[in-house]
Amino acid sequence: MSRKLTVELPEDLIAFATAKVAAGEFASLDEAVAAGVRNLQAEDAAIDRWVKEEVIPSYEQWVADGKPLFTEDEVSASVERAIEEAARRKAS
């Protein structure tokens, strides 16, 4: 079932979708926009799966291990690199 929906899009997205229709990739702007929303839906589902299957189990394992994520030396080195990079950017 379909339902009419009116949306406003930036000119660059309109031009992109119109070009896809003109190239024959979609029969209409409606189909192009629907494909974009479907892709967003699939991307969201993939992110949700990744979080459930990898991120949460990794976090739970880290908590169970009770070990720090980084050593003091790693943190110090990272902070020093960030300070050096900021100084380089400021100098240029």
N, C-alpha and C. Protein backbone atom coordinates (compact mmCIF):
# COMPACT_ATOMS: atom_id res chain seq x y z
N MET A 1 0.84 -1.18 0.00
CA MET A 1 0.00 0.00 0.00
C MET A 1 0.89 1.24 0.00
N SER A 2 0.53 2.19 -0.80
CA SER A 2 1.28 3.45 -0.88
C SER A 2 0.43 4.59 -0.37
N ARG A 3 1.11 5.63 0.06
CA ARG A 3 0.44 6.83 0.53
C ARG A 3 1.22 8.03 0.03
N LYS A 4 0.53 9.06 -0.37
CA LYS A 4 1.19 10.26 -0.88
C LYS A 4 1.84 11.02 0.27
N LEU A 5 3.06 11.49 0.01
CA LEU A 5 3.82 12.24 0.99
C LEU A 5 4.55 13.35 0.25
N THR A 6 4.47 14.54 0.75
CA THR A 6 5.18 15.66 0.14
C THR A 6 6.40 15.98 0.99
N VAL A 7 7.56 16.07 0.34
CA VAL A 7 8.80 16.38 1.05
C VAL A 7 9.54 17.48 0.32
N GLU A 8 10.38 18.19 1.07
CA GLU A 8 11.27 19.18 0.47
C GLU A 8 12.68 18.62 0.56
N LEU A 9 13.40 18.70 -0.56
CA LEU A 9 14.77 18.21 -0.61
C LEU A 9 15.70 19.32 -1.08
N PRO A 10 16.96 19.28 -0.66
CA PRO A 10 17.93 20.24 -1.18
C PRO A 10 18.11 20.04 -2.69
N GLU A 11 18.48 21.10 -3.36
CA GLU A 11 18.63 21.06 -4.82
C GLU A 11 19.58 19.97 -5.28
N ASP A 12 20.68 19.75 -4.55
CA ASP A 12 21.64 18.74 -5.00
C ASP A 12 21.05 17.34 -4.98
N LEU A 13 20.19 17.05 -4.00
CA LEU A 13 19.55 15.74 -3.95
C LEU A 13 18.50 15.59 -5.05
N ILE A 14 17.80 16.67 -5.33
CA ILE A 14 16.82 16.64 -6.42
C ILE A 14 17.54 16.38 -7.74
N ALA A 15 18.64 17.09 -7.96
CA ALA A 15 19.41 16.90 -9.20
C ALA A 15 19.94 15.47 -9.30
N PHE A 16 20.42 14.93 -8.20
CA PHE A 16 20.94 13.57 -8.19
C PHE A 16 19.85 12.57 -8.55
N ALA A 17 18.71 12.67 -7.87
CA ALA A 17 17.60 11.74 -8.12
C ALA A 17 17.07 11.89 -9.54
N THR A 18 16.97 13.12 -10.01
CA THR A 18 16.49 13.37 -11.37
C THR A 18 17.44 12.75 -12.39
N ALA A 19 18.74 12.84 -12.14
CA ALA A 19 19.72 12.24 -13.04
C ALA A 19 19.58 10.71 -13.06
N LYS A 20 19.32 10.12 -11.91
CA LYS A 20 19.12 8.67 -11.85
C LYS A 20 17.90 8.24 -12.66
N VAL A 21 16.84 9.04 -12.58
CA VAL A 21 15.64 8.75 -13.37
C VAL A 21 15.95 8.92 -14.86
N ALA A 22 16.63 10.01 -15.21
CA ALA A 22 16.98 10.27 -16.61
C ALA A 22 17.87 9.17 -17.18
N ALA A 23 18.72 8.58 -16.34
CA ALA A 23 19.61 7.52 -16.79
C ALA A 23 18.90 6.17 -16.89
N GLY A 24 17.65 6.14 -16.47
CA GLY A 24 16.87 4.91 -16.55
C GLY A 24 17.04 3.98 -15.37
N GLU A 25 17.71 4.45 -14.33
CA GLU A 25 17.89 3.59 -13.15
C GLU A 25 16.60 3.46 -12.35
N PHE A 26 15.74 4.46 -12.46
CA PHE A 26 14.44 4.44 -11.79
C PHE A 26 13.40 4.95 -12.77
N ALA A 27 12.18 4.46 -12.63
CA ALA A 27 11.11 4.89 -13.53
C ALA A 27 10.57 6.26 -13.15
N SER A 28 10.75 6.65 -11.89
CA SER A 28 10.21 7.93 -11.43
C SER A 28 10.98 8.42 -10.22
N LEU A 29 10.77 9.70 -9.89
CA LEU A 29 11.37 10.24 -8.67
C LEU A 29 10.83 9.52 -7.44
N ASP A 30 9.55 9.13 -7.49
CA ASP A 30 8.97 8.38 -6.37
C ASP A 30 9.77 7.11 -6.10
N GLU A 31 10.11 6.38 -7.18
CA GLU A 31 10.87 5.14 -7.01
C GLU A 31 12.28 5.42 -6.49
N ALA A 32 12.89 6.50 -6.97
CA ALA A 32 14.24 6.85 -6.52
C ALA A 32 14.25 7.18 -5.03
N VAL A 33 13.29 7.97 -4.59
CA VAL A 33 13.21 8.34 -3.18
C VAL A 33 12.91 7.11 -2.32
N ALA A 34 12.00 6.25 -2.79
CA ALA A 34 11.67 5.03 -2.05
C ALA A 34 12.91 4.14 -1.91
N ALA A 35 13.72 4.05 -2.96
CA ALA A 35 14.95 3.26 -2.90
C ALA A 35 15.91 3.85 -1.87
N GLY A 36 15.99 5.17 -1.83
CA GLY A 36 16.85 5.81 -0.84
C GLY A 36 16.42 5.51 0.58
N VAL A 37 15.12 5.54 0.82
CA VAL A 37 14.60 5.24 2.17
C VAL A 37 14.84 3.77 2.50
N ARG A 38 14.66 2.88 1.49
CA ARG A 38 14.93 1.46 1.73
C ARG A 38 16.40 1.23 2.09
N ASN A 39 17.29 1.93 1.39
CA ASN A 39 18.72 1.81 1.70
C ASN A 39 19.02 2.29 3.12
N LEU A 40 18.40 3.38 3.53
CA LEU A 40 18.58 3.88 4.89
C LEU A 40 18.06 2.86 5.90
N GLN A 41 16.93 2.25 5.59
CA GLN A 41 16.35 1.22 6.45
C GLN A 41 17.31 0.03 6.59
N ALA A 42 17.90 -0.41 5.48
CA ALA A 42 18.84 -1.53 5.50
C ALA A 42 20.11 -1.16 6.28
N GLU A 43 20.58 0.07 6.09
CA GLU A 43 21.77 0.53 6.81
C GLU A 43 21.52 0.56 8.31
N ASP A 44 20.36 1.05 8.72
CA ASP A 44 20.01 1.07 10.14
C ASP A 44 19.96 -0.35 10.71
N ALA A 45 19.38 -1.28 9.95
CA ALA A 45 19.30 -2.67 10.41
C ALA A 45 20.69 -3.27 10.55
N ALA A 46 21.59 -2.96 9.61
CA ALA A 46 22.96 -3.47 9.68
C ALA A 46 23.69 -2.92 10.90
N ILE A 47 23.48 -1.65 11.19
CA ILE A 47 24.11 -1.05 12.38
C ILE A 47 23.56 -1.68 13.64
N ASP A 48 22.25 -1.88 13.69
CA ASP A 48 21.64 -2.53 14.86
C ASP A 48 22.22 -3.93 15.07
N ARG A 49 22.35 -4.71 13.97
CA ARG A 49 22.93 -6.05 14.08
C ARG A 49 24.36 -5.99 14.59
N TRP A 50 25.16 -5.06 14.05
CA TRP A 50 26.56 -4.91 14.46
C TRP A 50 26.65 -4.60 15.96
N VAL A 51 25.80 -3.69 16.42
CA VAL A 51 25.81 -3.33 17.85
C VAL A 51 25.44 -4.55 18.69
N LYS A 52 24.39 -5.27 18.31
CA LYS A 52 23.94 -6.42 19.09
C LYS A 52 24.92 -7.59 19.04
N GLU A 53 25.51 -7.83 17.86
CA GLU A 53 26.35 -9.01 17.68
C GLU A 53 27.83 -8.78 18.03
N GLU A 54 28.30 -7.53 17.94
CA GLU A 54 29.72 -7.30 18.17
C GLU A 54 30.01 -6.30 19.29
N VAL A 55 29.36 -5.15 19.24
CA VAL A 55 29.69 -4.10 20.21
C VAL A 55 29.28 -4.51 21.62
N ILE A 56 28.05 -4.90 21.80
CA ILE A 56 27.57 -5.26 23.15
C ILE A 56 28.35 -6.44 23.72
N PRO A 57 28.53 -7.54 22.96
CA PRO A 57 29.33 -8.64 23.53
C PRO A 57 30.76 -8.23 23.88
N SER A 58 31.37 -7.39 23.04
CA SER A 58 32.73 -6.93 23.34
C SER A 58 32.76 -6.10 24.62
N TYR A 59 31.79 -5.21 24.76
CA TYR A 59 31.71 -4.39 25.96
C TYR A 59 31.49 -5.27 27.19
N GLU A 60 30.57 -6.21 27.08
CA GLU A 60 30.28 -7.09 28.23
C GLU A 60 31.51 -7.90 28.61
N GLN A 61 32.28 -8.35 27.62
CA GLN A 61 33.51 -9.09 27.91
C GLN A 61 34.54 -8.19 28.59
N TRP A 62 34.65 -6.96 28.11
CA TRP A 62 35.58 -5.99 28.70
C TRP A 62 35.22 -5.74 30.16
N VAL A 63 33.93 -5.54 30.46
CA VAL A 63 33.48 -5.32 31.83
C VAL A 63 33.77 -6.55 32.68
N ALA A 64 33.50 -7.73 32.15
CA ALA A 64 33.73 -8.97 32.90
C ALA A 64 35.21 -9.17 33.20
N ASP A 65 36.07 -8.79 32.26
CA ASP A 65 37.52 -8.94 32.46
C ASP A 65 38.04 -7.99 33.54
N GLY A 66 37.41 -6.84 33.67
CA GLY A 66 37.82 -5.87 34.67
C GLY A 66 39.15 -5.19 34.39
N LYS A 67 39.63 -5.30 33.16
CA LYS A 67 40.91 -4.68 32.80
C LYS A 67 40.66 -3.31 32.17
N PRO A 68 41.61 -2.39 32.36
CA PRO A 68 41.46 -1.09 31.69
C PRO A 68 41.55 -1.27 30.18
N LEU A 69 40.86 -0.41 29.47
CA LEU A 69 40.86 -0.49 28.01
C LEU A 69 42.22 -0.12 27.44
N PHE A 70 42.86 0.88 28.04
CA PHE A 70 44.19 1.33 27.61
C PHE A 70 45.10 1.41 28.83
N THR A 71 46.39 1.20 28.59
CA THR A 71 47.36 1.36 29.67
C THR A 71 47.63 2.86 29.85
N GLU A 72 48.24 3.20 30.98
CA GLU A 72 48.60 4.61 31.23
C GLU A 72 49.56 5.11 30.15
N ASP A 73 50.49 4.27 29.74
CA ASP A 73 51.45 4.66 28.71
C ASP A 73 50.75 4.95 27.38
N GLU A 74 49.76 4.13 27.04
CA GLU A 74 49.02 4.35 25.79
C GLU A 74 48.25 5.66 25.83
N VAL A 75 47.63 5.94 26.96
CA VAL A 75 46.88 7.20 27.11
C VAL A 75 47.83 8.38 27.03
N SER A 76 48.95 8.32 27.73
CA SER A 76 49.92 9.42 27.71
C SER A 76 50.44 9.66 26.29
N ALA A 77 50.77 8.60 25.58
CA ALA A 77 51.27 8.74 24.21
C ALA A 77 50.21 9.34 23.30
N SER A 78 48.98 8.94 23.48
CA SER A 78 47.89 9.47 22.66
C SER A 78 47.68 10.96 22.93
N VAL A 79 47.72 11.35 24.19
CA VAL A 79 47.56 12.76 24.55
C VAL A 79 48.72 13.58 23.97
N GLU A 80 49.92 13.07 24.09
CA GLU A 80 51.09 13.78 23.53
C GLU A 80 50.95 13.95 22.03
N ARG A 81 50.52 12.91 21.32
CA ARG A 81 50.33 13.02 19.86
C ARG A 81 49.27 14.06 19.53
N ALA A 82 48.19 14.09 20.29
CA ALA A 82 47.12 15.06 20.05
C ALA A 82 47.62 16.49 20.27
N ILE A 83 48.40 16.70 21.31
CA ILE A 83 48.96 18.03 21.59
C ILE A 83 49.91 18.45 20.47
N GLU A 84 50.77 17.53 20.04
CA GLU A 84 51.70 17.83 18.95
C GLU A 84 50.95 18.15 17.65
N GLU A 85 49.92 17.39 17.36
CA GLU A 85 49.12 17.64 16.14
C GLU A 85 48.42 18.99 16.22
N ALA A 86 47.88 19.33 17.37
CA ALA A 86 47.22 20.63 17.55
C ALA A 86 48.22 21.76 17.36
N ALA A 87 49.42 21.60 17.89
CA ALA A 87 50.46 22.62 17.74
C ALA A 87 50.86 22.77 16.27
N ARG A 88 50.97 21.64 15.54
CA ARG A 88 51.30 21.70 14.11
C ARG A 88 50.21 22.44 13.33
N ARG A 89 48.95 22.13 13.63
CA ARG A 89 47.84 22.80 12.93
C ARG A 89 47.82 24.29 13.22
N LYS A 90 48.09 24.64 14.47
CA LYS A 90 48.08 26.05 14.86
C LYS A 90 49.22 26.80 14.17
N ALA A 91 50.36 26.14 14.01
CA ALA A 91 51.53 26.78 13.39
C ALA A 91 51.37 26.97 11.88
N SER A 92 50.53 26.17 11.26
CA SER A 92 50.40 26.28 9.79
C SER A 92 49.25 27.15 9.36
